[in-house]
Amino acid sequence: MDIVISGIKEKRNAEGEKNGWSSTSFETYDSWAGRNNIEFIAIEKQKAREFLLDHFYGIASDNAVKKLEKLLL
């Protein structure tokens, strides 16, 4: 079972100012994916890795992409 962080909410006082600790919401991946209409796709690990790296090459720094490459090994 995979768990995802599905939301973060800041606590606010009566005046709307940030006050106290933020709360974090967790749920199962299956529940989160279903609520967000994310379809399951069967894809080989190498193809998924290539897709993610291609995506992030265009929007992330070189340093961030290098870190992602290490994580995806």
C-alpha atoms as a PDB file:
ATOM      1  CA  MET A   1       0.000   0.000   0.000  1.00  0.00           C
ATOM      2  CA  ASP A   2       1.400   3.387  -1.036  1.00  0.00           C
ATOM      3  CA  ILE A   3       0.648   6.484   1.053  1.00  0.00           C
ATOM      4  CA  VAL A   4       0.657  10.022  -0.384  1.00  0.00           C
ATOM      5  CA  ILE A   5       0.469  13.491   1.144  1.00  0.00           C
ATOM      6  CA  SER A   6      -2.852  14.702  -0.171  1.00  0.00           C
ATOM      7  CA  GLY A   7      -2.974  18.152   1.372  1.00  0.00           C
ATOM      8  CA  ILE A   8      -1.507  20.717   3.712  1.00  0.00           C
ATOM      9  CA  LYS A   9      -3.531  23.352   5.504  1.00  0.00           C
ATOM     10  CA  GLU A  10      -2.199  26.302   7.478  1.00  0.00           C
ATOM     11  CA  LYS A  11      -3.901  27.137  10.754  1.00  0.00           C
ATOM     12  CA  ARG A  12      -5.378  30.635  10.835  1.00  0.00           C
ATOM     13  CA  ASN A  13      -6.737  32.702  13.704  1.00  0.00           C
ATOM     14  CA  ALA A  14      -9.985  34.725  13.652  1.00  0.00           C
ATOM     15  CA  GLU A  15      -8.179  37.588  11.878  1.00  0.00           C
ATOM     16  CA  GLY A  16      -6.960  35.269   9.124  1.00  0.00           C
ATOM     17  CA  GLU A  17      -3.327  35.373  10.235  1.00  0.00           C
ATOM     18  CA  LYS A  18      -1.193  32.238  10.238  1.00  0.00           C
ATOM     19  CA  ASN A  19      -1.285  30.857  13.750  1.00  0.00           C
ATOM     20  CA  GLY A  20       0.246  27.575  14.925  1.00  0.00           C
ATOM     21  CA  TRP A  21       1.352  24.422  13.154  1.00  0.00           C
ATOM     22  CA  SER A  22       0.134  23.455   9.719  1.00  0.00           C
ATOM     23  CA  SER A  23      -1.670  20.137   9.410  1.00  0.00           C
ATOM     24  CA  THR A  24      -0.892  17.490   6.809  1.00  0.00           C
ATOM     25  CA  SER A  25      -3.402  15.084   5.301  1.00  0.00           C
ATOM     26  CA  PHE A  26      -2.419  11.562   4.195  1.00  0.00           C
ATOM     27  CA  GLU A  27      -4.323   8.914   2.248  1.00  0.00           C
ATOM     28  CA  THR A  28      -3.695   5.816   0.180  1.00  0.00           C
ATOM     29  CA  TYR A  29      -2.511   6.286  -3.383  1.00  0.00           C
ATOM     30  CA  ASP A  30      -5.503   4.349  -4.721  1.00  0.00           C
ATOM     31  CA  SER A  31      -7.935   6.690  -2.951  1.00  0.00           C
ATOM     32  CA  TRP A  32      -6.049   9.821  -4.030  1.00  0.00           C
ATOM     33  CA  ALA A  33      -5.703   8.667  -7.661  1.00  0.00           C
ATOM     34  CA  GLY A  34      -9.396   7.807  -7.838  1.00  0.00           C
ATOM     35  CA  ARG A  35     -10.475  11.211  -6.501  1.00  0.00           C
ATOM     36  CA  ASN A  36      -8.176  12.968  -8.965  1.00  0.00           C
ATOM     37  CA  ASN A  37      -9.146  10.862 -11.999  1.00  0.00           C
ATOM     38  CA  ILE A  38      -5.606   9.530 -12.470  1.00  0.00           C
ATOM     39  CA  GLU A  39      -5.626   6.442 -14.632  1.00  0.00           C
ATOM     40  CA  PHE A  40      -3.329   3.478 -14.051  1.00  0.00           C
ATOM     41  CA  ILE A  41      -1.029   2.837 -16.978  1.00  0.00           C
ATOM     42  CA  ALA A  42       1.166  -0.190 -17.487  1.00  0.00           C
ATOM     43  CA  ILE A  43       4.599   1.031 -18.555  1.00  0.00           C
ATOM     44  CA  GLU A  44       8.088  -0.370 -18.346  1.00  0.00           C
ATOM     45  CA  LYS A  45      10.267   1.168 -15.647  1.00  0.00           C
ATOM     46  CA  GLN A  46      12.859   2.433 -18.165  1.00  0.00           C
ATOM     47  CA  LYS A  47      10.173   4.148 -20.282  1.00  0.00           C
ATOM     48  CA  ALA A  48       8.717   5.815 -17.183  1.00  0.00           C
ATOM     49  CA  ARG A  49      12.196   6.971 -16.148  1.00  0.00           C
ATOM     50  CA  GLU A  50      12.815   8.471 -19.611  1.00  0.00           C
ATOM     51  CA  PHE A  51       9.418  10.208 -19.571  1.00  0.00           C
ATOM     52  CA  LEU A  52      10.080  11.816 -16.175  1.00  0.00           C
ATOM     53  CA  LEU A  53      13.583  12.943 -17.076  1.00  0.00           C
ATOM     54  CA  ASP A  54      12.419  14.402 -20.419  1.00  0.00           C
ATOM     55  CA  HIS A  55       9.680  16.294 -18.597  1.00  0.00           C
ATOM     56  CA  PHE A  56      11.940  17.747 -15.908  1.00  0.00           C
ATOM     57  CA  TYR A  57      14.803  18.654 -18.281  1.00  0.00           C
ATOM     58  CA  GLY A  58      12.584  21.447 -19.572  1.00  0.00           C
ATOM     59  CA  ILE A  59      11.474  22.903 -16.246  1.00  0.00           C
ATOM     60  CA  ALA A  60      14.071  22.076 -13.572  1.00  0.00           C
ATOM     61  CA  SER A  61      17.660  23.123 -12.974  1.00  0.00           C
ATOM     62  CA  ASP A  62      20.498  20.885 -14.132  1.00  0.00           C
ATOM     63  CA  ASN A  63      21.348  20.157 -10.503  1.00  0.00           C
ATOM     64  CA  ALA A  64      17.775  19.081  -9.741  1.00  0.00           C
ATOM     65  CA  VAL A  65      17.681  16.787 -12.783  1.00  0.00           C
ATOM     66  CA  LYS A  66      20.981  15.175 -11.757  1.00  0.00           C
ATOM     67  CA  LYS A  67      19.527  14.441  -8.310  1.00  0.00           C
ATOM     68  CA  LEU A  68      16.397  12.998  -9.913  1.00  0.00           C
ATOM     69  CA  GLU A  69      18.518  10.765 -12.164  1.00  0.00           C
ATOM     70  CA  LYS A  70      20.202   9.321  -9.068  1.00  0.00           C
ATOM     71  CA  LEU A  71      16.835   8.696  -7.393  1.00  0.00           C
ATOM     72  CA  LEU A  72      15.454   6.918 -10.431  1.00  0.00           C
ATOM     73  CA  LEU A  73      18.330   4.431 -10.789  1.00  0.00           C
END
